[in-house]
Amino acid sequence: MLKWIETTGKTEEEAIAAALRQLGMDRDDVSVEVLERAKSGFLGIGSVPAKVKVTYEAPDEPEEAAVPEPPSLEPAVPVMEEISDPVEEITAAPAEAVEEADDEKAQAIRTFLTGLLAHMDIEARPSISRTEEGNYKVVLEGENLGALIGRRGETLDAIQQLTSYSINRGASHRVRVYLDAESYRARREEALVRLANKMAGKAVKYRKNMILEPMNAYERHVIHTALQDVPDVSTYSMGNEPNRRTVVAYTPGENR
């Protein structure tokens, strides 16, 4: 039975190597189709990884589920990690912002983002607020901001990391920066919760494990959290970044 997987990497060779590691196969055991060639960007922002489709012959395997992207955003393409993803790795949603911020940190955030957006030739304005925990929530406002979000939010994550590094460099007290545009993070989380419940239903119905597409640490955390109290289901992750996947496992008697 012919099956296939899609993997990404900085180069076509890295993408193929990732697929071979995941499958445990040699190059001669598979056929490869390059779906997208790698493109570089400014500081990694706007860069496009290479994507390949690797076809192989294998027996029947657990069903694999694709993760739907929020409407109007670029399509998602997403193997085991324990439920406890380190908090530092997770781009978790912040608490509600309680006040507009115009302090020294907020000004530094605004200055950095304004310069970066101008360099990217993107018209957007950062609206900055502070959360109850003293962190900063930044919403980029403007039209047609899909390029700022990127595939599965990767560009948005990169900008968030650069902003955080910029304002915390050399500081004795670090703060967290949460960056969003077009309500992407909320819509993405809603889509992931729907997917988690759908896969849990299938796992119980068919009594087999469901393997999801590769996700980042935060997305895996959303799946784990959504299903932590669902009867007869448990979750774990497998594989290495960037192809780490969440498994929704059928485990009778769990969470009762």
C-alpha atoms as a PDB file:
ATOM      1  CA  MET A   1       0.000   0.000   0.000  1.00  0.00           C
ATOM      2  CA  LEU A   2       1.512   3.334  -1.063  1.00  0.00           C
ATOM      3  CA  LYS A   3       1.525   6.110   1.512  1.00  0.00           C
ATOM      4  CA  TRP A   4       3.230   9.466   1.763  1.00  0.00           C
ATOM      5  CA  ILE A   5       4.299  12.145   4.203  1.00  0.00           C
ATOM      6  CA  GLU A   6       5.302  15.772   3.780  1.00  0.00           C
ATOM      7  CA  THR A   7       8.285  17.221   5.642  1.00  0.00           C
ATOM      8  CA  THR A   8      10.107  20.529   5.686  1.00  0.00           C
ATOM      9  CA  GLY A   9      13.680  21.661   6.203  1.00  0.00           C
ATOM     10  CA  LYS A  10      16.031  24.538   5.569  1.00  0.00           C
ATOM     11  CA  THR A  11      17.056  22.779   2.352  1.00  0.00           C
ATOM     12  CA  GLU A  12      15.561  20.049   0.199  1.00  0.00           C
ATOM     13  CA  GLU A  13      18.224  17.649   1.528  1.00  0.00           C
ATOM     14  CA  GLU A  14      17.302  18.394   5.162  1.00  0.00           C
ATOM     15  CA  ALA A  15      13.615  17.917   4.412  1.00  0.00           C
ATOM     16  CA  ILE A  16      14.310  14.541   2.791  1.00  0.00           C
ATOM     17  CA  ALA A  17      16.578  13.511   5.683  1.00  0.00           C
ATOM     18  CA  ALA A  18      13.824  14.416   8.173  1.00  0.00           C
ATOM     19  CA  ALA A  19      11.372  12.187   6.311  1.00  0.00           C
ATOM     20  CA  LEU A  20      13.816   9.292   6.208  1.00  0.00           C
ATOM     21  CA  ARG A  21      14.496   9.607   9.970  1.00  0.00           C
ATOM     22  CA  GLN A  22      10.778   9.673  10.666  1.00  0.00           C
ATOM     23  CA  LEU A  23      10.101   6.631   8.503  1.00  0.00           C
ATOM     24  CA  GLY A  24      13.262   4.722   9.450  1.00  0.00           C
ATOM     25  CA  MET A  25      13.941   4.095   5.766  1.00  0.00           C
ATOM     26  CA  ASP A  26      16.802   4.551   3.317  1.00  0.00           C
ATOM     27  CA  ARG A  27      16.775   6.900   0.357  1.00  0.00           C
ATOM     28  CA  ASP A  28      16.371   3.989  -2.061  1.00  0.00           C
ATOM     29  CA  ASP A  29      13.177   2.894  -0.276  1.00  0.00           C
ATOM     30  CA  VAL A  30      11.222   6.035  -1.139  1.00  0.00           C
ATOM     31  CA  SER A  31      10.404   8.399  -3.967  1.00  0.00           C
ATOM     32  CA  VAL A  32      10.677  12.142  -3.458  1.00  0.00           C
ATOM     33  CA  GLU A  33       8.798  15.074  -4.953  1.00  0.00           C
ATOM     34  CA  VAL A  34       9.926  18.612  -4.152  1.00  0.00           C
ATOM     35  CA  LEU A  35       6.774  20.624  -3.425  1.00  0.00           C
ATOM     36  CA  GLU A  36       8.434  23.910  -2.510  1.00  0.00           C
ATOM     37  CA  ARG A  37      12.012  25.089  -2.739  1.00  0.00           C
ATOM     38  CA  ALA A  38      13.621  26.953   0.156  1.00  0.00           C
ATOM     39  CA  LYS A  39      13.689  30.749   0.084  1.00  0.00           C
ATOM     40  CA  SER A  40      15.665  33.000   2.401  1.00  0.00           C
ATOM     41  CA  GLY A  41      14.286  36.058   4.185  1.00  0.00           C
ATOM     42  CA  PHE A  42      15.403  38.953   6.357  1.00  0.00           C
ATOM     43  CA  LEU A  43      16.647  37.553   9.703  1.00  0.00           C
ATOM     44  CA  GLY A  44      14.611  34.466   8.949  1.00  0.00           C
ATOM     45  CA  ILE A  45      11.420  36.499   8.681  1.00  0.00           C
ATOM     46  CA  GLY A  46       9.519  35.804   5.513  1.00  0.00           C
ATOM     47  CA  SER A  47      11.733  32.824   4.734  1.00  0.00           C
ATOM     48  CA  VAL A  48      10.121  29.731   3.256  1.00  0.00           C
ATOM     49  CA  PRO A  49      11.407  26.248   4.154  1.00  0.00           C
ATOM     50  CA  ALA A  50      11.803  23.528   1.578  1.00  0.00           C
ATOM     51  CA  LYS A  51       8.899  21.097   1.490  1.00  0.00           C
ATOM     52  CA  VAL A  52       9.028  17.587   0.046  1.00  0.00           C
ATOM     53  CA  LYS A  53       6.528  14.785  -0.449  1.00  0.00           C
ATOM     54  CA  VAL A  54       8.013  11.360   0.301  1.00  0.00           C
ATOM     55  CA  THR A  55       6.105   8.321  -0.958  1.00  0.00           C
ATOM     56  CA  TYR A  56       6.741   4.854   0.467  1.00  0.00           C
ATOM     57  CA  GLU A  57       5.186   1.405   0.583  1.00  0.00           C
ATOM     58  CA  ALA A  58       3.883   0.401   3.990  1.00  0.00           C
ATOM     59  CA  PRO A  59       1.187  -1.645   5.742  1.00  0.00           C
ATOM     60  CA  ASP A  60      -1.926   0.021   7.060  1.00  0.00           C
ATOM     61  CA  GLU A  61      -1.117   2.598   9.782  1.00  0.00           C
ATOM     62  CA  PRO A  62      -3.081   4.728  12.258  1.00  0.00           C
ATOM     63  CA  GLU A  63      -5.002   7.526  10.641  1.00  0.00           C
ATOM     64  CA  GLU A  64      -3.243  10.856  10.519  1.00  0.00           C
ATOM     65  CA  ALA A  65      -5.144  14.072  10.959  1.00  0.00           C
ATOM     66  CA  ALA A  66      -4.462  17.422   9.388  1.00  0.00           C
ATOM     67  CA  VAL A  67      -4.841  20.569  11.454  1.00  0.00           C
ATOM     68  CA  PRO A  68      -7.246  23.116   9.939  1.00  0.00           C
ATOM     69  CA  GLU A  69      -6.055  26.697   9.742  1.00  0.00           C
ATOM     70  CA  PRO A  70      -8.299  29.604  10.680  1.00  0.00           C
ATOM     71  CA  PRO A  71     -10.184  31.028   7.670  1.00  0.00           C
ATOM     72  CA  SER A  72      -8.383  33.566   5.491  1.00  0.00           C
ATOM     73  CA  LEU A  73      -4.952  32.581   6.806  1.00  0.00           C
ATOM     74  CA  GLU A  74      -2.286  30.605   4.989  1.00  0.00           C
ATOM     75  CA  PRO A  75      -2.888  26.808   5.101  1.00  0.00           C
ATOM     76  CA  ALA A  76      -1.347  24.639   7.796  1.00  0.00           C
ATOM     77  CA  VAL A  77       0.995  21.798   7.116  1.00  0.00           C
ATOM     78  CA  PRO A  78       1.814  19.962  10.084  1.00  0.00           C
ATOM     79  CA  VAL A  79       5.852  12.680  15.587  1.00  0.00           C
ATOM     80  CA  MET A  80       6.270  12.134  20.984  1.00  0.00           C
ATOM     81  CA  GLU A  81       6.481  14.647  23.763  1.00  0.00           C
ATOM     82  CA  GLU A  82       5.172  14.274  27.274  1.00  0.00           C
ATOM     83  CA  ILE A  83       2.187  16.324  28.300  1.00  0.00           C
ATOM     84  CA  SER A  84       4.442  18.666  30.222  1.00  0.00           C
ATOM     85  CA  ASP A  85       5.905  20.884  27.514  1.00  0.00           C
ATOM     86  CA  PRO A  86       8.194  23.356  29.289  1.00  0.00           C
ATOM     87  CA  VAL A  87       6.408  26.640  29.781  1.00  0.00           C
ATOM     88  CA  GLU A  88       9.402  28.521  28.387  1.00  0.00           C
ATOM     89  CA  GLU A  89       8.915  26.821  25.025  1.00  0.00           C
ATOM     90  CA  ILE A  90       5.241  27.629  24.738  1.00  0.00           C
ATOM     91  CA  THR A  91       3.840  30.722  23.124  1.00  0.00           C
ATOM     92  CA  ALA A  92       0.807  30.610  25.411  1.00  0.00           C
ATOM     93  CA  ALA A  93      -2.045  33.034  25.175  1.00  0.00           C
ATOM     94  CA  PRO A  94      -1.660  35.882  27.677  1.00  0.00           C
ATOM     95  CA  ALA A  95      -4.074  37.068  30.312  1.00  0.00           C
ATOM     96  CA  GLU A  96      -6.377  39.839  29.200  1.00  0.00           C
ATOM     97  CA  ALA A  97      -4.635  43.161  28.836  1.00  0.00           C
ATOM     98  CA  VAL A  98      -5.778  45.601  31.493  1.00  0.00           C
ATOM     99  CA  GLU A  99      -4.334  48.914  30.358  1.00  0.00           C
ATOM    100  CA  GLU A 100      -2.704  50.680  27.471  1.00  0.00           C
ATOM    101  CA  ALA A 101       1.041  50.820  27.962  1.00  0.00           C
ATOM    102  CA  ASP A 102       3.376  53.718  27.238  1.00  0.00           C
ATOM    103  CA  ASP A 103       6.221  53.015  29.632  1.00  0.00           C
ATOM    104  CA  GLU A 104       9.879  52.485  28.731  1.00  0.00           C
ATOM    105  CA  LYS A 105       9.389  48.846  27.700  1.00  0.00           C
ATOM    106  CA  ALA A 106       6.335  49.678  25.617  1.00  0.00           C
ATOM    107  CA  GLN A 107       8.221  52.436  23.849  1.00  0.00           C
ATOM    108  CA  ALA A 108      11.088  50.050  23.141  1.00  0.00           C
ATOM    109  CA  ILE A 109       8.619  47.512  21.718  1.00  0.00           C
ATOM    110  CA  ARG A 110       7.004  50.166  19.545  1.00  0.00           C
ATOM    111  CA  THR A 111      10.345  51.470  18.266  1.00  0.00           C
ATOM    112  CA  PHE A 112      11.633  47.998  17.400  1.00  0.00           C
ATOM    113  CA  LEU A 113       8.453  46.849  15.664  1.00  0.00           C
ATOM    114  CA  THR A 114       7.982  50.091  13.748  1.00  0.00           C
ATOM    115  CA  GLY A 115      11.490  49.808  12.331  1.00  0.00           C
ATOM    116  CA  LEU A 116      11.126  46.127  11.519  1.00  0.00           C
ATOM    117  CA  LEU A 117       7.766  46.567   9.808  1.00  0.00           C
ATOM    118  CA  ALA A 118       9.102  49.458   7.767  1.00  0.00           C
ATOM    119  CA  HIS A 119      12.030  47.293   6.660  1.00  0.00           C
ATOM    120  CA  MET A 120       9.543  44.583   5.632  1.00  0.00           C
ATOM    121  CA  ASP A 121       7.516  47.223   3.744  1.00  0.00           C
ATOM    122  CA  ILE A 122       4.378  46.316   5.697  1.00  0.00           C
ATOM    123  CA  GLU A 123       1.921  48.946   6.891  1.00  0.00           C
ATOM    124  CA  ALA A 124       0.851  47.995  10.404  1.00  0.00           C
ATOM    125  CA  ARG A 125       0.646  49.777  13.740  1.00  0.00           C
ATOM    126  CA  PRO A 126       1.419  48.086  17.082  1.00  0.00           C
ATOM    127  CA  SER A 127      -1.183  48.555  19.815  1.00  0.00           C
ATOM    128  CA  ILE A 128       0.485  47.755  23.149  1.00  0.00           C
ATOM    129  CA  SER A 129      -1.149  46.879  26.463  1.00  0.00           C
ATOM    130  CA  ARG A 130       0.067  45.452  29.772  1.00  0.00           C
ATOM    131  CA  THR A 131      -1.365  42.321  31.369  1.00  0.00           C
ATOM    132  CA  GLU A 132      -2.058  41.808  35.053  1.00  0.00           C
ATOM    133  CA  GLU A 133       1.227  39.872  35.292  1.00  0.00           C
ATOM    134  CA  GLY A 134       3.189  42.842  33.976  1.00  0.00           C
ATOM    135  CA  ASN A 135       3.826  41.401  30.528  1.00  0.00           C
ATOM    136  CA  TYR A 136       2.986  43.019  27.202  1.00  0.00           C
ATOM    137  CA  LYS A 137       0.328  42.153  24.663  1.00  0.00           C
ATOM    138  CA  VAL A 138       0.928  43.601  21.213  1.00  0.00           C
ATOM    139  CA  VAL A 139      -1.721  43.593  18.504  1.00  0.00           C
ATOM    140  CA  LEU A 140      -0.573  44.548  15.035  1.00  0.00           C
ATOM    141  CA  GLU A 141      -3.320  46.546  13.366  1.00  0.00           C
ATOM    142  CA  GLY A 142      -3.666  47.017   9.637  1.00  0.00           C
ATOM    143  CA  GLU A 143      -5.033  45.399   6.506  1.00  0.00           C
ATOM    144  CA  ASN A 144      -3.949  42.229   4.742  1.00  0.00           C
ATOM    145  CA  LEU A 145      -1.534  41.095   7.444  1.00  0.00           C
ATOM    146  CA  GLY A 146      -1.307  37.485   6.241  1.00  0.00           C
ATOM    147  CA  ALA A 147       2.384  37.954   5.415  1.00  0.00           C
ATOM    148  CA  LEU A 148       3.023  38.882   9.060  1.00  0.00           C
ATOM    149  CA  ILE A 149       1.332  35.701  10.245  1.00  0.00           C
ATOM    150  CA  GLY A 150       2.919  33.252   7.836  1.00  0.00           C
ATOM    151  CA  ARG A 151       2.456  29.545   7.513  1.00  0.00           C
ATOM    152  CA  ARG A 152       1.045  28.182  10.791  1.00  0.00           C
ATOM    153  CA  GLY A 153       1.967  31.481  12.464  1.00  0.00           C
ATOM    154  CA  GLU A 154       5.709  30.909  12.007  1.00  0.00           C
ATOM    155  CA  THR A 155       6.457  34.471  10.901  1.00  0.00           C
ATOM    156  CA  LEU A 156       4.410  35.890  13.775  1.00  0.00           C
ATOM    157  CA  ASP A 157       6.338  33.688  16.212  1.00  0.00           C
ATOM    158  CA  ALA A 158       9.667  34.816  14.734  1.00  0.00           C
ATOM    159  CA  ILE A 159       8.759  38.492  15.087  1.00  0.00           C
ATOM    160  CA  GLN A 160       7.600  37.881  18.655  1.00  0.00           C
ATOM    161  CA  GLN A 161      10.891  36.192  19.556  1.00  0.00           C
ATOM    162  CA  LEU A 162      12.953  38.977  17.975  1.00  0.00           C
ATOM    163  CA  THR A 163      10.948  41.626  19.814  1.00  0.00           C
ATOM    164  CA  SER A 164      11.318  39.830  23.142  1.00  0.00           C
ATOM    165  CA  TYR A 165      15.062  39.425  22.632  1.00  0.00           C
ATOM    166  CA  SER A 166      15.448  43.080  21.709  1.00  0.00           C
ATOM    167  CA  ILE A 167      13.722  44.546  24.765  1.00  0.00           C
ATOM    168  CA  ASN A 168      15.089  42.010  27.284  1.00  0.00           C
ATOM    169  CA  ARG A 169      18.705  42.103  26.149  1.00  0.00           C
ATOM    170  CA  GLY A 170      20.838  43.103  29.132  1.00  0.00           C
ATOM    171  CA  ALA A 171      17.803  43.658  31.381  1.00  0.00           C
ATOM    172  CA  SER A 172      17.790  42.319  34.951  1.00  0.00           C
ATOM    173  CA  HIS A 173      14.013  41.757  34.857  1.00  0.00           C
ATOM    174  CA  ARG A 174      12.634  39.948  31.826  1.00  0.00           C
ATOM    175  CA  VAL A 175       9.112  40.438  30.552  1.00  0.00           C
ATOM    176  CA  ARG A 176       7.157  38.399  28.041  1.00  0.00           C
ATOM    177  CA  VAL A 177       5.803  39.762  24.800  1.00  0.00           C
ATOM    178  CA  TYR A 178       2.672  38.286  23.213  1.00  0.00           C
ATOM    179  CA  LEU A 179       2.199  39.240  19.583  1.00  0.00           C
ATOM    180  CA  ASP A 180      -0.963  38.777  17.543  1.00  0.00           C
ATOM    181  CA  ALA A 181      -2.510  39.941  14.289  1.00  0.00           C
ATOM    182  CA  GLU A 182      -6.016  39.475  12.891  1.00  0.00           C
ATOM    183  CA  SER A 183      -6.907  37.453  16.034  1.00  0.00           C
ATOM    184  CA  TYR A 184      -4.843  34.610  14.603  1.00  0.00           C
ATOM    185  CA  ARG A 185      -3.873  32.993  17.916  1.00  0.00           C
ATOM    186  CA  ALA A 186      -7.425  32.788  19.267  1.00  0.00           C
ATOM    187  CA  ARG A 187      -8.767  31.367  16.024  1.00  0.00           C
ATOM    188  CA  ARG A 188      -5.917  28.886  15.770  1.00  0.00           C
ATOM    189  CA  GLU A 189      -6.532  27.686  19.328  1.00  0.00           C
ATOM    190  CA  GLU A 190     -10.239  27.216  18.612  1.00  0.00           C
ATOM    191  CA  ALA A 191      -9.403  25.142  15.526  1.00  0.00           C
ATOM    192  CA  LEU A 192      -6.983  22.989  17.535  1.00  0.00           C
ATOM    193  CA  VAL A 193      -9.526  22.325  20.289  1.00  0.00           C
ATOM    194  CA  ARG A 194     -12.088  21.262  17.685  1.00  0.00           C
ATOM    195  CA  LEU A 195      -9.521  18.970  16.095  1.00  0.00           C
ATOM    196  CA  ALA A 196      -8.562  17.474  19.476  1.00  0.00           C
ATOM    197  CA  ASN A 197     -12.150  16.573  20.301  1.00  0.00           C
ATOM    198  CA  LYS A 198     -12.748  15.160  16.823  1.00  0.00           C
ATOM    199  CA  MET A 199      -9.661  12.938  17.048  1.00  0.00           C
ATOM    200  CA  ALA A 200     -10.587  11.825  20.578  1.00  0.00           C
ATOM    201  CA  GLY A 201     -13.970  10.727  19.259  1.00  0.00           C
ATOM    202  CA  LYS A 202     -12.320   8.761  16.465  1.00  0.00           C
ATOM    203  CA  ALA A 203      -9.789   7.171  18.829  1.00  0.00           C
ATOM    204  CA  VAL A 204     -12.602   5.852  21.053  1.00  0.00           C
ATOM    205  CA  LYS A 205     -14.852   4.865  18.159  1.00  0.00           C
ATOM    206  CA  TYR A 206     -12.203   2.911  16.249  1.00  0.00           C
ATOM    207  CA  ARG A 207     -10.157   1.920  19.333  1.00  0.00           C
ATOM    208  CA  LYS A 208      -6.856   3.005  17.872  1.00  0.00           C
ATOM    209  CA  ASN A 209      -4.384   5.833  18.205  1.00  0.00           C
ATOM    210  CA  MET A 210      -4.696   8.936  16.054  1.00  0.00           C
ATOM    211  CA  ILE A 211      -1.484  10.664  14.942  1.00  0.00           C
ATOM    212  CA  LEU A 212      -1.688  14.391  14.238  1.00  0.00           C
ATOM    213  CA  GLU A 213       0.480  16.415  11.910  1.00  0.00           C
ATOM    214  CA  PRO A 214       3.634  18.121  13.264  1.00  0.00           C
ATOM    215  CA  MET A 215       2.945  21.101  15.547  1.00  0.00           C
ATOM    216  CA  ASN A 216       4.996  23.546  17.590  1.00  0.00           C
ATOM    217  CA  ALA A 217       5.181  23.300  21.399  1.00  0.00           C
ATOM    218  CA  TYR A 218       2.264  25.643  22.034  1.00  0.00           C
ATOM    219  CA  GLU A 219      -0.061  23.843  19.620  1.00  0.00           C
ATOM    220  CA  ARG A 220       0.787  20.469  21.182  1.00  0.00           C
ATOM    221  CA  HIS A 221       0.105  21.992  24.599  1.00  0.00           C
ATOM    222  CA  VAL A 222      -3.366  23.070  23.427  1.00  0.00           C
ATOM    223  CA  ILE A 223      -4.150  19.490  22.313  1.00  0.00           C
ATOM    224  CA  HIS A 224      -2.878  18.003  25.599  1.00  0.00           C
ATOM    225  CA  THR A 225      -4.886  20.474  27.677  1.00  0.00           C
ATOM    226  CA  ALA A 226      -8.091  20.058  25.669  1.00  0.00           C
ATOM    227  CA  LEU A 227      -8.088  16.268  26.187  1.00  0.00           C
ATOM    228  CA  GLN A 228      -6.603  15.905  29.667  1.00  0.00           C
ATOM    229  CA  ASP A 229      -9.997  15.057  31.243  1.00  0.00           C
ATOM    230  CA  VAL A 230     -11.544  13.101  28.357  1.00  0.00           C
ATOM    231  CA  PRO A 231     -12.393   9.488  29.353  1.00  0.00           C
ATOM    232  CA  ASP A 232     -10.592   6.611  27.594  1.00  0.00           C
ATOM    233  CA  VAL A 233      -8.134   8.992  25.931  1.00  0.00           C
ATOM    234  CA  SER A 234      -4.603  10.138  26.703  1.00  0.00           C
ATOM    235  CA  THR A 235      -2.089  12.186  24.747  1.00  0.00           C
ATOM    236  CA  TYR A 236       1.644  12.136  24.267  1.00  0.00           C
ATOM    237  CA  SER A 237       4.085  13.295  21.621  1.00  0.00           C
ATOM    238  CA  MET A 238       6.752  11.625  19.540  1.00  0.00           C
ATOM    239  CA  GLY A 239       9.576  12.559  17.222  1.00  0.00           C
ATOM    240  CA  ASN A 240      11.984  15.465  17.024  1.00  0.00           C
ATOM    241  CA  GLU A 241      11.504  19.108  16.165  1.00  0.00           C
ATOM    242  CA  PRO A 242      10.345  20.383  13.767  1.00  0.00           C
ATOM    243  CA  ASN A 243       8.422  17.171  13.061  1.00  0.00           C
ATOM    244  CA  ARG A 244       7.221  16.498  16.608  1.00  0.00           C
ATOM    245  CA  ARG A 245       3.669  15.140  16.613  1.00  0.00           C
ATOM    246  CA  THR A 246       0.938  14.651  19.180  1.00  0.00           C
ATOM    247  CA  VAL A 247      -0.708  11.229  19.466  1.00  0.00           C
ATOM    248  CA  VAL A 248      -4.286  10.943  20.701  1.00  0.00           C
ATOM    249  CA  ALA A 249      -4.209   7.455  22.214  1.00  0.00           C
ATOM    250  CA  TYR A 250      -7.098   5.107  22.995  1.00  0.00           C
ATOM    251  CA  THR A 251      -6.533   4.136  26.645  1.00  0.00           C
ATOM    252  CA  PRO A 252      -9.630   2.490  28.181  1.00  0.00           C
ATOM    253  CA  GLY A 253     -10.172   3.495  31.786  1.00  0.00           C
ATOM    254  CA  GLU A 254      -8.122   6.716  31.587  1.00  0.00           C
ATOM    255  CA  ASN A 255      -9.507   9.931  33.134  1.00  0.00           C
ATOM    256  CA  ARG A 256     -12.503   8.269  34.723  1.00  0.00           C
END
